[in-house]
Amino acid sequence: MSLKPAKPTLTKGVGLGAAMLMATSAIGPGFLTQTTVFTQQLLSSFGFVIFITLLLDIGAQLNIWRILVVSESKAQDVANTLLPGLGYVLAALVILGGFAFNIANVGGAGLGLRAMLGFDVTTGALITGTCAIAIFWFNHVGQLVDKMVKIFALIMIVLTLIVAVIAHPPMAQVIQHTFIPQQTSALAVVTLVGGTVGGYISFAGAHRLLDGGLRGTAALPLVDRSAVTGIVITSIMRFSLFIAALGVITAGTVLDAANPTATVFGAAAGQVGYRFFGVVMWCASITSVIGAAYTSVSFLTTFHPLLLRYNKWLVTVFIVSSTMIFVLIGKPVSLLVAAGAINGFILPAGLAIVLLAAARKRLMGSYKHPVWLQIAGWLVVLAVGWLALKSFYSWLA
């Protein structure tokens, strides 16, 4: 995508596009599965977890988006300014994590097309990879991506809400336990925070704003609206799926551990619901493929002019490689587990870097970052960092 400043008439579109890119990057195959599994564990009290996660996610994204836009620098350049070479390390972690999880995104797209149209998973993965590459070769790719992610987000939310209405969830319990939970789970909170704004997703929206030409303190009102909008959209999708799953579970349906989300849609609306699941899974997967490719490559384009010049080719290589690994090998478990550990560290590490950068006048000029945002940001760093360390030691064991 071009780094040329956007025309003033396009800035609102860029802001909403950034929000949608962040939201749809978060809403992937893992998002759907995590939401369903935690609903099964916590029942109506999962609403409280979603509410707490919403607040933490807003704190994380407002910090990252504000600081990067005011500094007019992408995360890797901010990191290199703090400590020479740190930006290259951050870029390597983001790209490795994004690449590994893109294998799962492509696989999820294959599953979606199988449920939706009956294709086998491999054919569905190849079709999705080809579609994603074609999108990036349009002349006005930024505007096209902004429009597509808006459409796909709307489709996912509407279809999931339809299933939720059919499932007849116990809304009185949901409302009560969202604010007065019967049970809760710190693991669920931190896992959802990491899944919503962790890994490459931490920077997807902010980098899109910069590429769209939004820079400096004058852009902050739009930055704030965009960041909050992205998190709210993600939370609406998560809440919709939560109440749909809760309705099915309280009706006595036992979820299939291999594909719990498909069970929810199928149990609520039969074969039509299963087709709905296919559409939602494919939309969630292809938008995550787009988000992973765009954000990962955006961590390279500022290192050398040639990388910016050939960014479309870099995106193509990224998508082709992850698609072919899925087609030829499947899901390499060890790579995905390692990437999970890496992505667990990206949010606390990346957020800590931008919080430290907020104190650098060389980067921020006269801008004073709000104290409440700094406190919220460091709380997220500590909470998610603790879980990442715990998960990493468990993986080593």
Protein backbone atom coordinates (compact mmCIF):
# COMPACT_ATOMS: atom_id res chain seq x y z
CA MET A 1 0.00 0.00 0.00
CA SER A 2 1.15 3.49 -0.74
CA LEU A 3 2.56 5.65 2.02
CA LYS A 4 1.44 8.86 0.31
CA PRO A 5 -0.83 11.04 2.48
CA ALA A 6 -4.54 10.52 1.90
CA LYS A 7 -6.73 13.35 0.65
CA PRO A 8 -8.67 15.09 3.44
CA THR A 9 -11.97 13.77 2.06
CA LEU A 10 -10.70 10.21 2.50
CA THR A 11 -9.49 10.45 6.10
CA LYS A 12 -12.79 9.34 7.65
CA GLY A 13 -12.85 6.36 5.31
CA VAL A 14 -9.27 5.52 6.25
CA GLY A 15 -10.17 5.71 9.95
CA LEU A 16 -13.10 3.32 9.58
CA GLY A 17 -11.05 1.11 7.29
CA ALA A 18 -8.30 0.87 9.90
CA ALA A 19 -10.87 -0.04 12.55
CA MET A 20 -12.32 -2.74 10.32
CA LEU A 21 -8.90 -4.08 9.34
CA MET A 22 -7.99 -4.46 13.02
CA ALA A 23 -11.36 -6.01 13.88
CA THR A 24 -11.45 -8.49 11.02
CA SER A 25 -7.79 -9.40 11.58
CA ALA A 26 -8.78 -10.35 15.13
CA ILE A 27 -11.90 -12.25 14.05
CA GLY A 28 -10.24 -15.35 12.64
CA PRO A 29 -10.65 -19.11 13.06
CA GLY A 30 -9.03 -19.01 16.51
CA PHE A 31 -11.35 -16.19 17.61
CA LEU A 32 -14.43 -18.24 16.71
CA THR A 33 -13.17 -21.35 18.48
CA GLN A 34 -11.96 -19.55 21.62
CA THR A 35 -15.28 -17.74 22.03
CA THR A 36 -17.27 -20.95 21.75
CA VAL A 37 -15.01 -22.95 24.07
CA PHE A 38 -14.96 -20.30 26.81
CA THR A 39 -18.75 -19.97 26.57
CA GLN A 40 -18.99 -23.70 27.21
CA GLN A 41 -16.76 -23.33 30.28
CA LEU A 42 -18.16 -20.14 31.84
CA LEU A 43 -21.73 -20.10 30.47
CA SER A 44 -23.50 -16.74 30.99
CA SER A 45 -20.62 -15.39 33.11
CA PHE A 46 -18.51 -15.26 29.96
CA GLY A 47 -20.26 -11.95 29.29
CA PHE A 48 -18.24 -10.48 32.17
CA VAL A 49 -15.00 -11.69 30.58
CA ILE A 50 -15.98 -10.05 27.29
CA PHE A 51 -16.74 -6.78 29.09
CA ILE A 52 -13.39 -6.73 30.95
CA THR A 53 -11.58 -7.68 27.75
CA LEU A 54 -13.26 -4.79 25.95
CA LEU A 55 -11.82 -2.31 28.47
CA LEU A 56 -8.32 -3.81 28.35
CA ASP A 57 -8.33 -3.95 24.55
CA ILE A 58 -9.30 -0.28 24.31
CA GLY A 59 -6.47 0.62 26.70
CA ALA A 60 -3.93 -1.30 24.62
CA GLN A 61 -5.05 0.00 21.24
CA LEU A 62 -5.45 3.65 22.26
CA ASN A 63 -1.85 3.62 23.50
CA ILE A 64 -0.40 1.99 20.39
CA TRP A 65 -2.45 3.91 17.83
CA ARG A 66 -2.00 7.31 19.50
CA ILE A 67 1.75 7.03 20.01
CA LEU A 68 2.53 5.69 16.54
CA VAL A 69 0.36 8.29 14.78
CA VAL A 70 1.76 11.21 16.81
CA SER A 71 5.34 9.98 16.27
CA GLU A 72 4.49 9.54 12.57
CA SER A 73 6.48 6.29 12.67
CA LYS A 74 5.65 2.63 12.39
CA ALA A 75 6.36 0.32 15.31
CA GLN A 76 9.66 -1.01 13.94
CA ASP A 77 11.01 2.53 13.43
CA VAL A 78 9.93 3.58 16.92
CA ALA A 79 11.71 0.52 18.31
CA ASN A 80 14.90 1.28 16.35
CA THR A 81 14.84 4.85 17.66
CA LEU A 82 14.67 3.59 21.25
CA LEU A 83 17.42 1.02 20.73
CA PRO A 84 19.19 0.44 17.40
CA GLY A 85 18.38 -3.03 16.12
CA LEU A 86 15.31 -3.49 18.33
CA GLY A 87 13.03 -2.72 15.41
CA TYR A 88 14.50 -5.56 13.37
CA VAL A 89 13.88 -7.97 16.24
CA LEU A 90 10.28 -6.79 16.62
CA ALA A 91 9.74 -7.06 12.86
CA ALA A 92 11.12 -10.61 12.80
CA LEU A 93 8.81 -11.68 15.64
CA VAL A 94 5.72 -10.12 14.05
CA ILE A 95 6.46 -11.60 10.62
CA LEU A 96 7.21 -15.08 11.98
CA GLY A 97 4.09 -15.10 14.14
CA GLY A 98 1.91 -13.67 11.37
CA PHE A 99 3.24 -16.18 8.84
CA ALA A 100 2.67 -19.20 11.05
CA PHE A 101 -0.85 -18.18 11.98
CA ASN A 102 -1.61 -17.38 8.36
CA ILE A 103 -1.28 -21.11 7.72
CA ALA A 104 -4.19 -21.62 10.13
CA ASN A 105 -6.10 -18.73 8.50
CA VAL A 106 -5.79 -20.35 5.08
CA GLY A 107 -6.88 -23.68 6.56
CA GLY A 108 -9.88 -22.02 8.19
CA ALA A 109 -10.84 -20.53 4.82
CA GLY A 110 -10.73 -24.01 3.30
CA LEU A 111 -13.05 -25.29 6.03
CA GLY A 112 -15.38 -22.37 5.44
CA LEU A 113 -15.67 -23.01 1.70
CA ARG A 114 -16.26 -26.72 2.38
CA ALA A 115 -19.18 -25.90 4.70
CA MET A 116 -20.49 -23.17 2.41
CA LEU A 117 -20.11 -24.70 -1.07
CA GLY A 118 -18.87 -28.26 -0.59
CA PHE A 119 -15.30 -27.75 -1.83
CA ASP A 120 -12.60 -29.91 -0.34
CA VAL A 121 -10.40 -28.06 2.15
CA THR A 122 -7.31 -27.94 -0.08
CA THR A 123 -9.23 -26.46 -3.02
CA GLY A 124 -10.84 -23.94 -0.70
CA ALA A 125 -7.46 -22.90 0.66
CA LEU A 126 -6.05 -22.42 -2.86
CA ILE A 127 -9.07 -20.38 -3.95
CA THR A 128 -8.79 -18.16 -0.88
CA GLY A 129 -5.05 -17.62 -1.30
CA THR A 130 -5.59 -16.66 -4.95
CA CYS A 131 -8.39 -14.23 -4.04
CA ALA A 132 -6.27 -12.58 -1.32
CA ILE A 133 -3.32 -12.11 -3.69
CA ALA A 134 -5.58 -10.64 -6.40
CA ILE A 135 -6.92 -8.07 -3.92
CA PHE A 136 -3.41 -6.72 -3.24
CA TRP A 137 -2.70 -6.24 -6.96
CA PHE A 138 -5.48 -3.71 -7.50
CA ASN A 139 -4.24 -0.17 -8.18
CA HIS A 140 -6.13 1.32 -5.22
CA VAL A 141 -5.56 -1.60 -2.88
CA GLY A 142 -5.93 0.44 0.31
CA GLN A 143 -9.42 1.64 -0.57
CA LEU A 144 -10.41 -1.84 -1.82
CA VAL A 145 -9.27 -3.52 1.41
CA ASP A 146 -11.11 -0.88 3.47
CA LYS A 147 -14.36 -1.60 1.59
CA MET A 148 -14.00 -5.37 1.63
CA VAL A 149 -13.33 -5.70 5.35
CA LYS A 150 -16.36 -3.51 6.09
CA ILE A 151 -18.60 -5.76 3.97
CA PHE A 152 -17.21 -8.99 5.42
CA ALA A 153 -17.51 -7.69 9.00
CA LEU A 154 -21.16 -6.79 8.41
CA ILE A 155 -21.87 -10.22 6.90
CA MET A 156 -20.29 -12.04 9.86
CA ILE A 157 -22.13 -10.02 12.49
CA VAL A 158 -25.54 -10.21 10.77
CA LEU A 159 -25.38 -13.98 10.18
CA THR A 160 -24.17 -14.65 13.72
CA LEU A 161 -26.93 -12.46 15.18
CA ILE A 162 -29.53 -14.35 13.15
CA VAL A 163 -28.27 -17.63 14.61
CA ALA A 164 -28.23 -16.07 18.09
CA VAL A 165 -31.89 -15.04 17.80
CA ILE A 166 -32.85 -18.53 16.62
CA ALA A 167 -30.88 -20.10 19.51
CA HIS A 168 -33.03 -18.28 22.14
CA PRO A 169 -30.25 -17.48 24.65
CA PRO A 170 -31.26 -16.71 28.27
CA MET A 171 -30.74 -12.95 27.96
CA ALA A 172 -31.83 -12.15 31.53
CA GLN A 173 -28.99 -14.32 32.84
CA VAL A 174 -26.58 -12.86 30.30
CA ILE A 175 -27.31 -9.28 31.37
CA GLN A 176 -27.11 -10.11 35.06
CA HIS A 177 -23.92 -12.17 34.89
CA THR A 178 -22.17 -9.76 32.54
CA PHE A 179 -21.96 -7.35 35.48
CA ILE A 180 -22.29 -9.78 38.44
CA PRO A 181 -20.58 -13.00 37.31
CA GLN A 182 -21.04 -16.32 39.04
CA GLN A 183 -17.58 -17.38 37.96
CA THR A 184 -14.69 -15.87 36.04
CA SER A 185 -11.31 -16.80 34.62
CA ALA A 186 -8.12 -14.74 34.48
CA LEU A 187 -6.84 -17.13 31.81
CA ALA A 188 -9.88 -16.40 29.65
CA VAL A 189 -9.43 -12.62 30.04
CA VAL A 190 -5.77 -12.60 29.08
CA THR A 191 -6.25 -15.15 26.30
CA LEU A 192 -8.99 -13.02 24.76
CA VAL A 193 -6.89 -9.85 25.07
CA GLY A 194 -4.00 -11.59 23.34
CA GLY A 195 -6.32 -12.98 20.68
CA THR A 196 -7.96 -9.62 20.02
CA VAL A 197 -5.01 -7.22 20.07
CA GLY A 198 -2.01 -9.56 20.22
CA GLY A 199 0.59 -10.47 17.61
CA TYR A 200 0.44 -8.56 14.34
CA ILE A 201 -3.09 -7.36 15.22
CA SER A 202 -1.54 -4.97 17.77
CA PHE A 203 -0.28 -2.80 14.92
CA ALA A 204 -2.63 -3.52 12.00
CA GLY A 205 -4.90 -0.50 12.46
CA ALA A 206 -2.16 1.97 13.42
CA HIS A 207 -0.04 1.06 10.40
CA ARG A 208 -3.10 1.41 8.14
CA LEU A 209 -3.73 4.91 9.54
CA LEU A 210 -0.12 5.89 8.82
CA ASP A 211 -0.28 4.47 5.32
CA GLY A 212 -3.52 6.40 4.80
CA GLY A 213 -1.78 9.66 5.65
CA LEU A 214 -3.12 10.25 9.18
CA ARG A 215 -0.27 11.70 11.23
CA GLY A 216 0.38 14.06 14.11
CA THR A 217 -1.69 15.37 17.00
CA ALA A 218 -4.33 16.86 14.68
CA ALA A 219 -5.39 13.32 13.78
CA LEU A 220 -5.90 12.19 17.40
CA PRO A 221 -9.72 12.60 17.57
CA LEU A 222 -10.08 10.37 14.52
CA VAL A 223 -7.45 7.96 15.86
CA ASP A 224 -9.37 7.58 19.13
CA ARG A 225 -12.67 6.97 17.35
CA SER A 226 -11.08 4.48 15.00
CA ALA A 227 -9.35 2.50 17.77
CA VAL A 228 -12.48 2.32 19.93
CA THR A 229 -14.64 1.46 16.91
CA GLY A 230 -12.38 -1.46 15.99
CA ILE A 231 -12.56 -2.93 19.50
CA VAL A 232 -16.32 -2.39 19.75
CA ILE A 233 -16.91 -4.16 16.42
CA THR A 234 -14.78 -7.08 17.59
CA SER A 235 -16.70 -7.22 20.87
CA ILE A 236 -20.07 -7.14 19.08
CA MET A 237 -19.03 -10.15 17.02
CA ARG A 238 -17.72 -11.96 20.09
CA PHE A 239 -20.88 -11.19 22.10
CA SER A 240 -23.11 -12.32 19.23
CA LEU A 241 -21.31 -15.65 18.98
CA PHE A 242 -21.31 -15.97 22.78
CA ILE A 243 -25.08 -15.66 23.12
CA ALA A 244 -25.63 -17.96 20.13
CA ALA A 245 -23.40 -20.62 21.71
CA LEU A 246 -25.02 -20.10 25.12
CA GLY A 247 -28.50 -20.63 23.70
CA VAL A 248 -27.46 -23.89 22.07
CA ILE A 249 -25.59 -25.13 25.15
CA THR A 250 -28.38 -24.33 27.62
CA ALA A 251 -30.77 -26.22 25.32
CA GLY A 252 -28.71 -29.33 25.99
CA THR A 253 -26.55 -29.58 22.84
CA VAL A 254 -23.14 -31.16 23.35
CA LEU A 255 -20.55 -29.31 21.24
CA ASP A 256 -18.23 -31.24 18.96
CA ALA A 257 -14.73 -30.64 20.34
CA ALA A 258 -13.26 -30.86 16.82
CA ASN A 259 -15.44 -28.01 15.49
CA PRO A 260 -17.51 -26.43 18.29
CA THR A 261 -18.52 -23.32 16.34
CA ALA A 262 -19.98 -25.36 13.49
CA THR A 263 -21.99 -27.31 16.08
CA VAL A 264 -23.48 -24.05 17.40
CA PHE A 265 -24.63 -22.86 13.97
CA GLY A 266 -25.88 -26.31 12.93
CA ALA A 267 -27.75 -26.99 16.18
CA ALA A 268 -29.47 -23.58 16.05
CA ALA A 269 -30.50 -23.48 12.39
CA GLY A 270 -29.89 -26.92 10.87
CA GLN A 271 -28.36 -27.15 7.41
CA VAL A 272 -28.93 -23.44 6.75
CA GLY A 273 -27.06 -22.67 9.97
CA TYR A 274 -24.19 -24.89 8.83
CA ARG A 275 -24.01 -22.91 5.57
CA PHE A 276 -24.04 -19.71 7.63
CA PHE A 277 -21.09 -21.09 9.58
CA GLY A 278 -19.26 -21.65 6.29
CA VAL A 279 -19.81 -18.04 5.24
CA VAL A 280 -18.74 -16.67 8.63
CA MET A 281 -15.66 -18.92 8.78
CA TRP A 282 -14.58 -17.97 5.26
CA CYS A 283 -15.12 -14.24 5.82
CA ALA A 284 -13.24 -14.44 9.13
CA SER A 285 -10.39 -16.37 7.52
CA ILE A 286 -9.83 -14.36 4.34
CA THR A 287 -9.92 -11.05 6.23
CA SER A 288 -7.37 -12.47 8.67
CA VAL A 289 -5.22 -13.56 5.70
CA ILE A 290 -5.39 -10.00 4.36
CA GLY A 291 -4.63 -8.49 7.78
CA ALA A 292 -1.72 -10.84 8.49
CA ALA A 293 -0.15 -10.26 5.07
CA TYR A 294 -0.62 -6.49 5.08
CA THR A 295 0.61 -5.94 8.63
CA SER A 296 3.55 -8.36 8.42
CA VAL A 297 4.85 -6.78 5.21
CA SER A 298 4.32 -3.28 6.66
CA PHE A 299 7.10 -4.17 9.12
CA LEU A 300 9.56 -4.41 6.22
CA THR A 301 8.67 -1.53 3.93
CA THR A 302 10.37 1.24 5.96
CA PHE A 303 13.74 -0.52 6.13
CA HIS A 304 14.69 0.13 2.49
CA PRO A 305 13.04 1.94 -0.47
CA LEU A 306 13.18 -1.23 -2.58
CA LEU A 307 11.08 -3.08 -0.02
CA LEU A 308 8.40 -0.41 -0.29
CA ARG A 309 8.62 -0.47 -4.09
CA TYR A 310 8.10 -4.23 -4.24
CA ASN A 311 5.67 -4.54 -1.34
CA LYS A 312 3.04 -6.23 -3.53
CA TRP A 313 5.53 -8.95 -4.41
CA LEU A 314 6.39 -9.37 -0.73
CA VAL A 315 2.69 -9.79 0.09
CA THR A 316 2.37 -12.30 -2.75
CA VAL A 317 5.30 -14.37 -1.48
CA PHE A 318 3.88 -14.24 2.06
CA ILE A 319 0.45 -15.53 1.03
CA VAL A 320 1.72 -18.08 -1.51
CA SER A 321 4.21 -19.53 0.98
CA SER A 322 1.72 -19.91 3.83
CA THR A 323 -0.91 -21.35 1.47
CA MET A 324 1.48 -23.91 -0.02
CA ILE A 325 2.68 -25.01 3.43
CA PHE A 326 -0.92 -25.70 4.38
CA VAL A 327 -1.65 -27.51 1.11
CA LEU A 328 1.52 -29.62 1.10
CA ILE A 329 2.12 -30.24 4.80
CA GLY A 330 -1.10 -29.32 6.58
CA LYS A 331 -0.87 -27.51 9.90
CA PRO A 332 2.64 -27.99 11.25
CA VAL A 333 1.81 -28.26 14.94
CA SER A 334 5.27 -27.40 16.25
CA LEU A 335 5.41 -24.23 14.13
CA LEU A 336 1.97 -23.11 15.24
CA VAL A 337 2.75 -23.78 18.91
CA ALA A 338 6.01 -21.85 18.63
CA ALA A 339 4.23 -19.00 16.87
CA GLY A 340 1.65 -18.95 19.66
CA ALA A 341 4.42 -18.48 22.20
CA ILE A 342 5.98 -15.73 20.07
CA ASN A 343 2.68 -13.91 19.53
CA GLY A 344 2.08 -14.05 23.27
CA PHE A 345 5.13 -11.83 23.77
CA ILE A 346 4.45 -9.40 20.92
CA LEU A 347 1.64 -7.44 22.62
CA PRO A 348 3.43 -6.81 25.94
CA ALA A 349 6.78 -6.21 24.21
CA GLY A 350 5.34 -3.98 21.49
CA LEU A 351 3.13 -2.06 23.91
CA ALA A 352 6.05 -1.55 26.31
CA ILE A 353 8.14 -0.18 23.44
CA VAL A 354 5.54 2.39 22.41
CA LEU A 355 4.88 3.38 26.04
CA LEU A 356 8.59 4.04 26.54
CA ALA A 357 8.61 5.98 23.26
CA ALA A 358 5.87 8.26 24.61
CA ALA A 359 8.47 9.88 26.86
CA ARG A 360 10.89 10.65 23.99
CA LYS A 361 10.54 14.27 22.83
CA ARG A 362 12.51 13.39 19.72
CA LEU A 363 9.61 11.19 18.67
CA MET A 364 6.64 12.88 20.31
CA GLY A 365 7.52 16.58 20.21
CA SER A 366 5.36 18.56 22.64
CA TYR A 367 2.71 15.85 22.93
CA LYS A 368 1.98 14.67 26.49
CA HIS A 369 0.57 11.17 26.63
CA PRO A 370 -2.33 10.93 29.15
CA VAL A 371 -1.32 9.39 32.50
CA TRP A 372 -4.45 7.22 32.67
CA LEU A 373 -3.57 5.69 29.31
CA GLN A 374 -0.02 4.98 30.47
CA ILE A 375 -1.34 3.24 33.60
CA ALA A 376 -3.84 1.20 31.56
CA GLY A 377 -1.12 0.30 29.08
CA TRP A 378 1.35 -0.92 31.70
CA LEU A 379 -1.38 -2.98 33.37
CA VAL A 380 -1.96 -4.75 30.05
CA VAL A 381 1.79 -5.25 29.62
CA LEU A 382 2.07 -6.88 33.06
CA ALA A 383 -1.06 -9.04 32.75
CA VAL A 384 -0.43 -10.35 29.23
CA GLY A 385 3.31 -10.63 29.82
CA TRP A 386 2.72 -12.79 32.88
CA LEU A 387 0.50 -15.18 30.98
CA ALA A 388 2.92 -15.28 28.03
CA LEU A 389 5.78 -16.29 30.35
CA LYS A 390 3.60 -18.90 32.02
CA SER A 391 2.54 -20.34 28.66
CA PHE A 392 6.12 -20.31 27.37
CA TYR A 393 7.42 -22.26 30.38
CA SER A 394 4.56 -24.76 30.00
CA TRP A 395 5.51 -25.20 26.33
CA LEU A 396 9.17 -25.80 27.21
CA ALA A 397 8.15 -28.39 29.81
